[in-house]
Amino acid sequence: MSSVIDGAVAALSAKIGDGFDGSAKFVIEGEGAVMVDGAGVRATDDGAEADVTMTADTGTFQDILSGDLNPTAAFMGGRLKVDGDMGTAMRLGSALS
């Protein structure tokens, strides 16, 4: 597992806590993926299914997780791709802000 994925798991765990109502997968290009659901936050393979999948490069995810970039602004600016349930994405975005 990469240090980027390890950092993402730690940062998301701190922001979201023990679980999330729904499931979301963050795909960090060139690094791997992180799953967020009712069981918590964990590294996963790219084959895991989720209500919504969000894809971006490493820098974008690091900016979102550090609070330097709003997830909605990243999406609107084309830096974050969202595939799936937009309601789940918005709930998760609120939890990250």
PDB file of N, CA and C in Angstrom:
ATOM      1  N   MET A   1       0.854  -1.174   0.000  1.00  0.00           N
ATOM      2  CA  MET A   1       0.000   0.000   0.000  1.00  0.00           C
ATOM      3  C   MET A   1       0.896   1.233   0.000  1.00  0.00           C
ATOM      4  N   SER A   2       0.504   2.260  -0.736  1.00  0.00           N
ATOM      5  CA  SER A   2       1.325   3.461  -0.855  1.00  0.00           C
ATOM      6  C   SER A   2       1.131   4.388   0.340  1.00  0.00           C
ATOM      7  N   SER A   3       2.096   5.270   0.535  1.00  0.00           N
ATOM      8  CA  SER A   3       1.991   6.241   1.626  1.00  0.00           C
ATOM      9  C   SER A   3       0.852   7.220   1.374  1.00  0.00           C
ATOM     10  N   VAL A   4       0.530   7.472   0.107  1.00  0.00           N
ATOM     11  CA  VAL A   4      -0.598   8.356  -0.221  1.00  0.00           C
ATOM     12  C   VAL A   4      -1.906   7.726   0.242  1.00  0.00           C
ATOM     13  N   ILE A   5      -2.086   6.441  -0.026  1.00  0.00           N
ATOM     14  CA  ILE A   5      -3.296   5.733   0.389  1.00  0.00           C
ATOM     15  C   ILE A   5      -3.356   5.653   1.914  1.00  0.00           C
ATOM     16  N   ASP A   6      -2.227   5.342   2.552  1.00  0.00           N
ATOM     17  CA  ASP A   6      -2.186   5.303   4.023  1.00  0.00           C
ATOM     18  C   ASP A   6      -2.601   6.654   4.605  1.00  0.00           C
ATOM     19  N   GLY A   7      -2.078   7.739   4.031  1.00  0.00           N
ATOM     20  CA  GLY A   7      -2.421   9.087   4.497  1.00  0.00           C
ATOM     21  C   GLY A   7      -3.881   9.410   4.281  1.00  0.00           C
ATOM     22  N   ALA A   8      -4.429   8.990   3.131  1.00  0.00           N
ATOM     23  CA  ALA A   8      -5.841   9.235   2.834  1.00  0.00           C
ATOM     24  C   ALA A   8      -6.744   8.487   3.805  1.00  0.00           C
ATOM     25  N   VAL A   9      -6.398   7.239   4.112  1.00  0.00           N
ATOM     26  CA  VAL A   9      -7.186   6.454   5.071  1.00  0.00           C
ATOM     27  C   VAL A   9      -7.175   7.140   6.433  1.00  0.00           C
ATOM     28  N   ALA A  10      -6.012   7.584   6.884  1.00  0.00           N
ATOM     29  CA  ALA A  10      -5.906   8.245   8.191  1.00  0.00           C
ATOM     30  C   ALA A  10      -6.700   9.555   8.218  1.00  0.00           C
ATOM     31  N   ALA A  11      -6.558  10.370   7.172  1.00  0.00           N
ATOM     32  CA  ALA A  11      -7.250  11.662   7.128  1.00  0.00           C
ATOM     33  C   ALA A  11      -8.761  11.483   7.050  1.00  0.00           C
ATOM     34  N   LEU A  12      -9.229  10.558   6.228  1.00  0.00           N
ATOM     35  CA  LEU A  12     -10.665  10.320   6.107  1.00  0.00           C
ATOM     36  C   LEU A  12     -11.233   9.737   7.398  1.00  0.00           C
ATOM     37  N   SER A  13     -10.490   8.854   8.042  1.00  0.00           N
ATOM     38  CA  SER A  13     -10.940   8.279   9.314  1.00  0.00           C
ATOM     39  C   SER A  13     -11.117   9.370  10.360  1.00  0.00           C
ATOM     40  N   ALA A  14     -10.194  10.315  10.390  1.00  0.00           N
ATOM     41  CA  ALA A  14     -10.272  11.407  11.363  1.00  0.00           C
ATOM     42  C   ALA A  14     -11.468  12.311  11.091  1.00  0.00           C
ATOM     43  N   LYS A  15     -11.783  12.549   9.818  1.00  0.00           N
ATOM     44  CA  LYS A  15     -12.883  13.446   9.459  1.00  0.00           C
ATOM     45  C   LYS A  15     -14.249  12.780   9.555  1.00  0.00           C
ATOM     46  N   ILE A  16     -14.324  11.498   9.204  1.00  0.00           N
ATOM     47  CA  ILE A  16     -15.616  10.827   9.094  1.00  0.00           C
ATOM     48  C   ILE A  16     -15.946   9.997  10.330  1.00  0.00           C
ATOM     49  N   GLY A  17     -14.947   9.480  11.000  1.00  0.00           N
ATOM     50  CA  GLY A  17     -15.198   8.679  12.192  1.00  0.00           C
ATOM     51  C   GLY A  17     -15.425   7.222  11.870  1.00  0.00           C
ATOM     52  N   ASP A  18     -16.373   6.608  12.579  1.00  0.00           N
ATOM     53  CA  ASP A  18     -16.564   5.161  12.510  1.00  0.00           C
ATOM     54  C   ASP A  18     -17.312   4.659  11.287  1.00  0.00           C
ATOM     55  N   GLY A  19     -18.032   5.512  10.606  1.00  0.00           N
ATOM     56  CA  GLY A  19     -18.782   5.017   9.466  1.00  0.00           C
ATOM     57  C   GLY A  19     -19.494   6.123   8.735  1.00  0.00           C
ATOM     58  N   PHE A  20     -20.036   5.772   7.613  1.00  0.00           N
ATOM     59  CA  PHE A  20     -20.708   6.710   6.731  1.00  0.00           C
ATOM     60  C   PHE A  20     -21.972   6.041   6.217  1.00  0.00           C
ATOM     61  N   ASP A  21     -23.067   6.779   6.171  1.00  0.00           N
ATOM     62  CA  ASP A  21     -24.342   6.258   5.688  1.00  0.00           C
ATOM     63  C   ASP A  21     -24.316   6.224   4.168  1.00  0.00           C
ATOM     64  N   GLY A  22     -23.934   5.108   3.618  1.00  0.00           N
ATOM     65  CA  GLY A  22     -23.761   4.950   2.179  1.00  0.00           C
ATOM     66  C   GLY A  22     -22.372   4.403   1.940  1.00  0.00           C
ATOM     67  N   SER A  23     -21.977   4.380   0.681  1.00  0.00           N
ATOM     68  CA  SER A  23     -20.625   3.926   0.364  1.00  0.00           C
ATOM     69  C   SER A  23     -20.044   4.805  -0.729  1.00  0.00           C
ATOM     70  N   ALA A  24     -18.777   5.125  -0.555  1.00  0.00           N
ATOM     71  CA  ALA A  24     -18.069   5.947  -1.528  1.00  0.00           C
ATOM     72  C   ALA A  24     -16.666   5.403  -1.710  1.00  0.00           C
ATOM     73  N   LYS A  25     -16.205   5.448  -2.941  1.00  0.00           N
ATOM     74  CA  LYS A  25     -14.850   5.008  -3.234  1.00  0.00           C
ATOM     75  C   LYS A  25     -14.085   6.189  -3.814  1.00  0.00           C
ATOM     76  N   PHE A  26     -12.922   6.457  -3.233  1.00  0.00           N
ATOM     77  CA  PHE A  26     -12.008   7.460  -3.767  1.00  0.00           C
ATOM     78  C   PHE A  26     -10.948   6.735  -4.569  1.00  0.00           C
ATOM     79  N   VAL A  27     -10.836   7.038  -5.847  1.00  0.00           N
ATOM     80  CA  VAL A  27      -9.777   6.476  -6.671  1.00  0.00           C
ATOM     81  C   VAL A  27      -8.731   7.562  -6.864  1.00  0.00           C
ATOM     82  N   ILE A  28      -7.549   7.319  -6.338  1.00  0.00           N
ATOM     83  CA  ILE A  28      -6.444   8.265  -6.464  1.00  0.00           C
ATOM     84  C   ILE A  28      -5.559   7.744  -7.586  1.00  0.00           C
ATOM     85  N   GLU A  29      -5.562   8.471  -8.691  1.00  0.00           N
ATOM     86  CA  GLU A  29      -4.889   8.015  -9.909  1.00  0.00           C
ATOM     87  C   GLU A  29      -3.416   7.699  -9.644  1.00  0.00           C
ATOM     88  N   GLY A  30      -3.000   6.506 -10.059  1.00  0.00           N
ATOM     89  CA  GLY A  30      -1.628   6.074  -9.912  1.00  0.00           C
ATOM     90  C   GLY A  30      -1.273   5.556  -8.530  1.00  0.00           C
ATOM     91  N   GLU A  31      -2.238   5.581  -7.583  1.00  0.00           N
ATOM     92  CA  GLU A  31      -1.951   5.167  -6.206  1.00  0.00           C
ATOM     93  C   GLU A  31      -2.811   4.003  -5.740  1.00  0.00           C
ATOM     94  N   GLY A  32      -4.116   4.049  -5.997  1.00  0.00           N
ATOM     95  CA  GLY A  32      -5.027   3.025  -5.521  1.00  0.00           C
ATOM     96  C   GLY A  32      -6.363   3.628  -5.158  1.00  0.00           C
ATOM     97  N   ALA A  33      -7.067   2.981  -4.230  1.00  0.00           N
ATOM     98  CA  ALA A  33      -8.415   3.417  -3.887  1.00  0.00           C
ATOM     99  C   ALA A  33      -8.660   3.282  -2.392  1.00  0.00           C
ATOM    100  N   VAL A  34      -9.598   4.112  -1.915  1.00  0.00           N
ATOM    101  CA  VAL A  34     -10.014   4.100  -0.515  1.00  0.00           C
ATOM    102  C   VAL A  34     -11.534   3.996  -0.491  1.00  0.00           C
ATOM    103  N   MET A  35     -12.062   3.085   0.330  1.00  0.00           N
ATOM    104  CA  MET A  35     -13.500   2.894   0.475  1.00  0.00           C
ATOM    105  C   MET A  35     -13.962   3.508   1.791  1.00  0.00           C
ATOM    106  N   VAL A  36     -15.094   4.220   1.729  1.00  0.00           N
ATOM    107  CA  VAL A  36     -15.724   4.794   2.919  1.00  0.00           C
ATOM    108  C   VAL A  36     -17.150   4.256   2.955  1.00  0.00           C
ATOM    109  N   ASP A  37     -17.527   3.592   4.066  1.00  0.00           N
ATOM    110  CA  ASP A  37     -18.885   3.065   4.192  1.00  0.00           C
ATOM    111  C   ASP A  37     -19.219   2.880   5.672  1.00  0.00           C
ATOM    112  N   GLY A  38     -20.274   2.167   5.954  1.00  0.00           N
ATOM    113  CA  GLY A  38     -20.707   1.958   7.325  1.00  0.00           C
ATOM    114  C   GLY A  38     -19.695   1.225   8.181  1.00  0.00           C
ATOM    115  N   ALA A  39     -18.769   0.514   7.562  1.00  0.00           N
ATOM    116  CA  ALA A  39     -17.735  -0.213   8.300  1.00  0.00           C
ATOM    117  C   ALA A  39     -16.530   0.665   8.608  1.00  0.00           C
ATOM    118  N   GLY A  40     -16.490   1.882   8.053  1.00  0.00           N
ATOM    119  CA  GLY A  40     -15.376   2.791   8.294  1.00  0.00           C
ATOM    120  C   GLY A  40     -14.637   3.127   7.015  1.00  0.00           C
ATOM    121  N   VAL A  41     -13.347   3.360   7.139  1.00  0.00           N
ATOM    122  CA  VAL A  41     -12.496   3.770   6.023  1.00  0.00           C
ATOM    123  C   VAL A  41     -11.382   2.744   5.875  1.00  0.00           C
ATOM    124  N   ARG A  42     -11.135   2.301   4.639  1.00  0.00           N
ATOM    125  CA  ARG A  42     -10.076   1.319   4.419  1.00  0.00           C
ATOM    126  C   ARG A  42      -9.572   1.402   2.985  1.00  0.00           C
ATOM    127  N   ALA A  43      -8.346   0.965   2.789  1.00  0.00           N
ATOM    128  CA  ALA A  43      -7.801   0.827   1.443  1.00  0.00           C
ATOM    129  C   ALA A  43      -8.525  -0.333   0.779  1.00  0.00           C
ATOM    130  N   THR A  44      -8.706  -0.245  -0.525  1.00  0.00           N
ATOM    131  CA  THR A  44      -9.423  -1.297  -1.241  1.00  0.00           C
ATOM    132  C   THR A  44      -8.846  -1.453  -2.631  1.00  0.00           C
ATOM    133  N   ASP A  45      -9.243  -2.521  -3.297  1.00  0.00           N
ATOM    134  CA  ASP A  45      -8.843  -2.672  -4.688  1.00  0.00           C
ATOM    135  C   ASP A  45      -9.828  -1.913  -5.567  1.00  0.00           C
ATOM    136  N   ASP A  46      -9.480  -1.679  -6.795  1.00  0.00           N
ATOM    137  CA  ASP A  46     -10.333  -0.901  -7.693  1.00  0.00           C
ATOM    138  C   ASP A  46     -11.612  -1.625  -8.096  1.00  0.00           C
ATOM    139  N   GLY A  47     -11.751  -2.910  -7.741  1.00  0.00           N
ATOM    140  CA  GLY A  47     -12.935  -3.662  -8.114  1.00  0.00           C
ATOM    141  C   GLY A  47     -14.105  -3.528  -7.152  1.00  0.00           C
ATOM    142  N   ALA A  48     -13.895  -2.873  -6.011  1.00  0.00           N
ATOM    143  CA  ALA A  48     -14.966  -2.738  -5.019  1.00  0.00           C
ATOM    144  C   ALA A  48     -16.088  -1.843  -5.545  1.00  0.00           C
ATOM    145  N   GLU A  49     -17.318  -2.227  -5.280  1.00  0.00           N
ATOM    146  CA  GLU A  49     -18.488  -1.449  -5.699  1.00  0.00           C
ATOM    147  C   GLU A  49     -18.858  -0.433  -4.624  1.00  0.00           C
ATOM    148  N   ALA A  50     -19.364   0.726  -5.056  1.00  0.00           N
ATOM    149  CA  ALA A  50     -19.781   1.776  -4.128  1.00  0.00           C
ATOM    150  C   ALA A  50     -20.941   2.547  -4.739  1.00  0.00           C
ATOM    151  N   ASP A  51     -21.679   3.274  -3.878  1.00  0.00           N
ATOM    152  CA  ASP A  51     -22.775   4.124  -4.372  1.00  0.00           C
ATOM    153  C   ASP A  51     -22.249   5.227  -5.279  1.00  0.00           C
ATOM    154  N   VAL A  52     -21.062   5.733  -4.953  1.00  0.00           N
ATOM    155  CA  VAL A  52     -20.445   6.790  -5.750  1.00  0.00           C
ATOM    156  C   VAL A  52     -18.939   6.563  -5.785  1.00  0.00           C
ATOM    157  N   THR A  53     -18.339   6.834  -6.922  1.00  0.00           N
ATOM    158  CA  THR A  53     -16.891   6.745  -7.081  1.00  0.00           C
ATOM    159  C   THR A  53     -16.374   8.114  -7.479  1.00  0.00           C
ATOM    160  N   MET A  54     -15.382   8.595  -6.732  1.00  0.00           N
ATOM    161  CA  MET A  54     -14.776   9.890  -7.010  1.00  0.00           C
ATOM    162  C   MET A  54     -13.327   9.668  -7.397  1.00  0.00           C
ATOM    163  N   THR A  55     -12.917  10.260  -8.512  1.00  0.00           N
ATOM    164  CA  THR A  55     -11.588  10.037  -9.056  1.00  0.00           C
ATOM    165  C   THR A  55     -10.869  11.367  -9.245  1.00  0.00           C
ATOM    166  N   ALA A  56      -9.615  11.400  -8.822  1.00  0.00           N
ATOM    167  CA  ALA A  56      -8.796  12.598  -9.012  1.00  0.00           C
ATOM    168  C   ALA A  56      -7.324  12.219  -8.880  1.00  0.00           C
ATOM    169  N   ASP A  57      -6.449  13.179  -9.184  1.00  0.00           N
ATOM    170  CA  ASP A  57      -5.023  12.946  -9.003  1.00  0.00           C
ATOM    171  C   ASP A  57      -4.640  13.125  -7.531  1.00  0.00           C
ATOM    172  N   THR A  58      -3.429  12.755  -7.212  1.00  0.00           N
ATOM    173  CA  THR A  58      -2.954  12.798  -5.825  1.00  0.00           C
ATOM    174  C   THR A  58      -3.045  14.199  -5.238  1.00  0.00           C
ATOM    175  N   GLY A  59      -2.587  15.205  -5.972  1.00  0.00           N
ATOM    176  CA  GLY A  59      -2.591  16.570  -5.466  1.00  0.00           C
ATOM    177  C   GLY A  59      -3.978  17.072  -5.127  1.00  0.00           C
ATOM    178  N   THR A  60      -4.952  16.743  -5.966  1.00  0.00           N
ATOM    179  CA  THR A  60      -6.332  17.174  -5.713  1.00  0.00           C
ATOM    180  C   THR A  60      -6.873  16.543  -4.439  1.00  0.00           C
ATOM    181  N   PHE A  61      -6.664  15.229  -4.267  1.00  0.00           N
ATOM    182  CA  PHE A  61      -7.144  14.577  -3.049  1.00  0.00           C
ATOM    183  C   PHE A  61      -6.443  15.120  -1.813  1.00  0.00           C
ATOM    184  N   GLN A  62      -5.155  15.362  -1.907  1.00  0.00           N
ATOM    185  CA  GLN A  62      -4.447  15.909  -0.757  1.00  0.00           C
ATOM    186  C   GLN A  62      -4.977  17.302  -0.410  1.00  0.00           C
ATOM    187  N   ASP A  63      -5.273  18.115  -1.428  1.00  0.00           N
ATOM    188  CA  ASP A  63      -5.838  19.446  -1.184  1.00  0.00           C
ATOM    189  C   ASP A  63      -7.221  19.363  -0.541  1.00  0.00           C
ATOM    190  N   ILE A  64      -8.041  18.403  -0.978  1.00  0.00           N
ATOM    191  CA  ILE A  64      -9.379  18.229  -0.406  1.00  0.00           C
ATOM    192  C   ILE A  64      -9.260  17.778   1.051  1.00  0.00           C
ATOM    193  N   LEU A  65      -8.412  16.787   1.307  1.00  0.00           N
ATOM    194  CA  LEU A  65      -8.293  16.235   2.650  1.00  0.00           C
ATOM    195  C   LEU A  65      -7.677  17.225   3.637  1.00  0.00           C
ATOM    196  N   SER A  66      -6.815  18.106   3.149  1.00  0.00           N
ATOM    197  CA  SER A  66      -6.198  19.097   4.036  1.00  0.00           C
ATOM    198  C   SER A  66      -7.113  20.292   4.292  1.00  0.00           C
ATOM    199  N   GLY A  67      -8.201  20.386   3.513  1.00  0.00           N
ATOM    200  CA  GLY A  67      -9.119  21.508   3.664  1.00  0.00           C
ATOM    201  C   GLY A  67      -8.774  22.692   2.784  1.00  0.00           C
ATOM    202  N   ASP A  68      -7.737  22.567   1.956  1.00  0.00           N
ATOM    203  CA  ASP A  68      -7.332  23.652   1.067  1.00  0.00           C
ATOM    204  C   ASP A  68      -8.210  23.758  -0.180  1.00  0.00           C
ATOM    205  N   LEU A  69      -8.972  22.708  -0.476  1.00  0.00           N
ATOM    206  CA  LEU A  69      -9.833  22.692  -1.660  1.00  0.00           C
ATOM    207  C   LEU A  69     -11.185  22.097  -1.285  1.00  0.00           C
ATOM    208  N   ASN A  70     -12.235  22.829  -1.569  1.00  0.00           N
ATOM    209  CA  ASN A  70     -13.592  22.356  -1.328  1.00  0.00           C
ATOM    210  C   ASN A  70     -13.924  21.284  -2.372  1.00  0.00           C
ATOM    211  N   PRO A  71     -14.501  20.139  -1.945  1.00  0.00           N
ATOM    212  CA  PRO A  71     -14.821  19.078  -2.912  1.00  0.00           C
ATOM    213  C   PRO A  71     -15.756  19.548  -4.036  1.00  0.00           C
ATOM    214  N   THR A  72     -16.711  20.407  -3.715  1.00  0.00           N
ATOM    215  CA  THR A  72     -17.623  20.912  -4.748  1.00  0.00           C
ATOM    216  C   THR A  72     -16.864  21.762  -5.755  1.00  0.00           C
ATOM    217  N   ALA A  73     -15.961  22.591  -5.279  1.00  0.00           N
ATOM    218  CA  ALA A  73     -15.153  23.424  -6.173  1.00  0.00           C
ATOM    219  C   ALA A  73     -14.260  22.554  -7.050  1.00  0.00           C
ATOM    220  N   ALA A  74     -13.721  21.474  -6.487  1.00  0.00           N
ATOM    221  CA  ALA A  74     -12.894  20.554  -7.273  1.00  0.00           C
ATOM    222  C   ALA A  74     -13.710  19.909  -8.383  1.00  0.00           C
ATOM    223  N   PHE A  75     -14.943  19.517  -8.058  1.00  0.00           N
ATOM    224  CA  PHE A  75     -15.828  18.922  -9.060  1.00  0.00           C
ATOM    225  C   PHE A  75     -16.178  19.937 -10.149  1.00  0.00           C
ATOM    226  N   MET A  76     -16.578  21.121  -9.728  1.00  0.00           N
ATOM    227  CA  MET A  76     -16.985  22.151 -10.686  1.00  0.00           C
ATOM    228  C   MET A  76     -15.811  22.590 -11.570  1.00  0.00           C
ATOM    229  N   GLY A  77     -14.598  22.524 -11.035  1.00  0.00           N
ATOM    230  CA  GLY A  77     -13.410  22.907 -11.789  1.00  0.00           C
ATOM    231  C   GLY A  77     -12.835  21.791 -12.636  1.00  0.00           C
ATOM    232  N   GLY A  78     -13.476  20.626 -12.618  1.00  0.00           N
ATOM    233  CA  GLY A  78     -13.018  19.507 -13.432  1.00  0.00           C
ATOM    234  C   GLY A  78     -11.861  18.727 -12.840  1.00  0.00           C
ATOM    235  N   ARG A  79     -11.499  19.015 -11.606  1.00  0.00           N
ATOM    236  CA  ARG A  79     -10.386  18.307 -10.967  1.00  0.00           C
ATOM    237  C   ARG A  79     -10.825  17.020 -10.284  1.00  0.00           C
ATOM    238  N   LEU A  80     -12.124  16.878 -10.003  1.00  0.00           N
ATOM    239  CA  LEU A  80     -12.686  15.709  -9.336  1.00  0.00           C
ATOM    240  C   LEU A  80     -13.817  15.164 -10.201  1.00  0.00           C
ATOM    241  N   LYS A  81     -13.694  13.893 -10.599  1.00  0.00           N
ATOM    242  CA  LYS A  81     -14.742  13.236 -11.377  1.00  0.00           C
ATOM    243  C   LYS A  81     -15.627  12.449 -10.429  1.00  0.00           C
ATOM    244  N   VAL A  82     -16.942  12.538 -10.635  1.00  0.00           N
ATOM    245  CA  VAL A  82     -17.896  11.835  -9.781  1.00  0.00           C
ATOM    246  C   VAL A  82     -18.753  10.933 -10.661  1.00  0.00           C
ATOM    247  N   ASP A  83     -18.826   9.657 -10.295  1.00  0.00           N
ATOM    248  CA  ASP A  83     -19.620   8.686 -11.035  1.00  0.00           C
ATOM    249  C   ASP A  83     -20.521   7.960 -10.044  1.00  0.00           C
ATOM    250  N   GLY A  84     -21.830   8.108 -10.205  1.00  0.00           N
ATOM    251  CA  GLY A  84     -22.765   7.433  -9.309  1.00  0.00           C
ATOM    252  C   GLY A  84     -23.714   8.418  -8.652  1.00  0.00           C
ATOM    253  N   ASP A  85     -24.126   8.083  -7.441  1.00  0.00           N
ATOM    254  CA  ASP A  85     -25.140   8.834  -6.712  1.00  0.00           C
ATOM    255  C   ASP A  85     -24.611  10.182  -6.217  1.00  0.00           C
ATOM    256  N   MET A  86     -25.115  11.273  -6.809  1.00  0.00           N
ATOM    257  CA  MET A  86     -24.681  12.612  -6.437  1.00  0.00           C
ATOM    258  C   MET A  86     -25.073  12.967  -5.005  1.00  0.00           C
ATOM    259  N   GLY A  87     -26.189  12.454  -4.504  1.00  0.00           N
ATOM    260  CA  GLY A  87     -26.603  12.714  -3.130  1.00  0.00           C
ATOM    261  C   GLY A  87     -25.578  12.190  -2.134  1.00  0.00           C
ATOM    262  N   THR A  88     -25.070  10.994  -2.382  1.00  0.00           N
ATOM    263  CA  THR A  88     -24.035  10.422  -1.527  1.00  0.00           C
ATOM    264  C   THR A  88     -22.767  11.255  -1.607  1.00  0.00           C
ATOM    265  N   ALA A  89     -22.412  11.689  -2.805  1.00  0.00           N
ATOM    266  CA  ALA A  89     -21.224  12.532  -2.977  1.00  0.00           C
ATOM    267  C   ALA A  89     -21.361  13.836  -2.203  1.00  0.00           C
ATOM    268  N   MET A  90     -22.548  14.438  -2.232  1.00  0.00           N
ATOM    269  CA  MET A  90     -22.768  15.703  -1.533  1.00  0.00           C
ATOM    270  C   MET A  90     -22.694  15.505  -0.011  1.00  0.00           C
ATOM    271  N   ARG A  91     -23.253  14.403   0.500  1.00  0.00           N
ATOM    272  CA  ARG A  91     -23.182  14.127   1.938  1.00  0.00           C
ATOM    273  C   ARG A  91     -21.730  13.940   2.379  1.00  0.00           C
ATOM    274  N   LEU A  92     -20.978  13.239   1.571  1.00  0.00           N
ATOM    275  CA  LEU A  92     -19.584  13.021   1.904  1.00  0.00           C
ATOM    276  C   LEU A  92     -18.804  14.329   1.804  1.00  0.00           C
ATOM    277  N   GLY A  93     -19.102  15.133   0.786  1.00  0.00           N
ATOM    278  CA  GLY A  93     -18.453  16.433   0.651  1.00  0.00           C
ATOM    279  C   GLY A  93     -18.687  17.307   1.860  1.00  0.00           C
ATOM    280  N   SER A  94     -19.892  17.272   2.399  1.00  0.00           N
ATOM    281  CA  SER A  94     -20.209  18.049   3.606  1.00  0.00           C
ATOM    282  C   SER A  94     -19.407  17.550   4.800  1.00  0.00           C
ATOM    283  N   ALA A  95     -19.221  16.238   4.891  1.00  0.00           N
ATOM    284  CA  ALA A  95     -18.451  15.678   6.001  1.00  0.00           C
ATOM    285  C   ALA A  95     -16.962  16.045   5.908  1.00  0.00           C
ATOM    286  N   LEU A  96     -16.490  16.289   4.697  1.00  0.00           N
ATOM    287  CA  LEU A  96     -15.078  16.616   4.503  1.00  0.00           C
ATOM    288  C   LEU A  96     -14.786  18.097   4.666  1.00  0.00           C
ATOM    289  N   SER A  97     -15.814  18.919   4.567  1.00  0.00           N
ATOM    290  CA  SER A  97     -15.587  20.378   4.633  1.00  0.00           C
ATOM    291  C   SER A  97     -15.390  20.863   6.043  1.00  0.00           C
TER     292      SER A  97
END
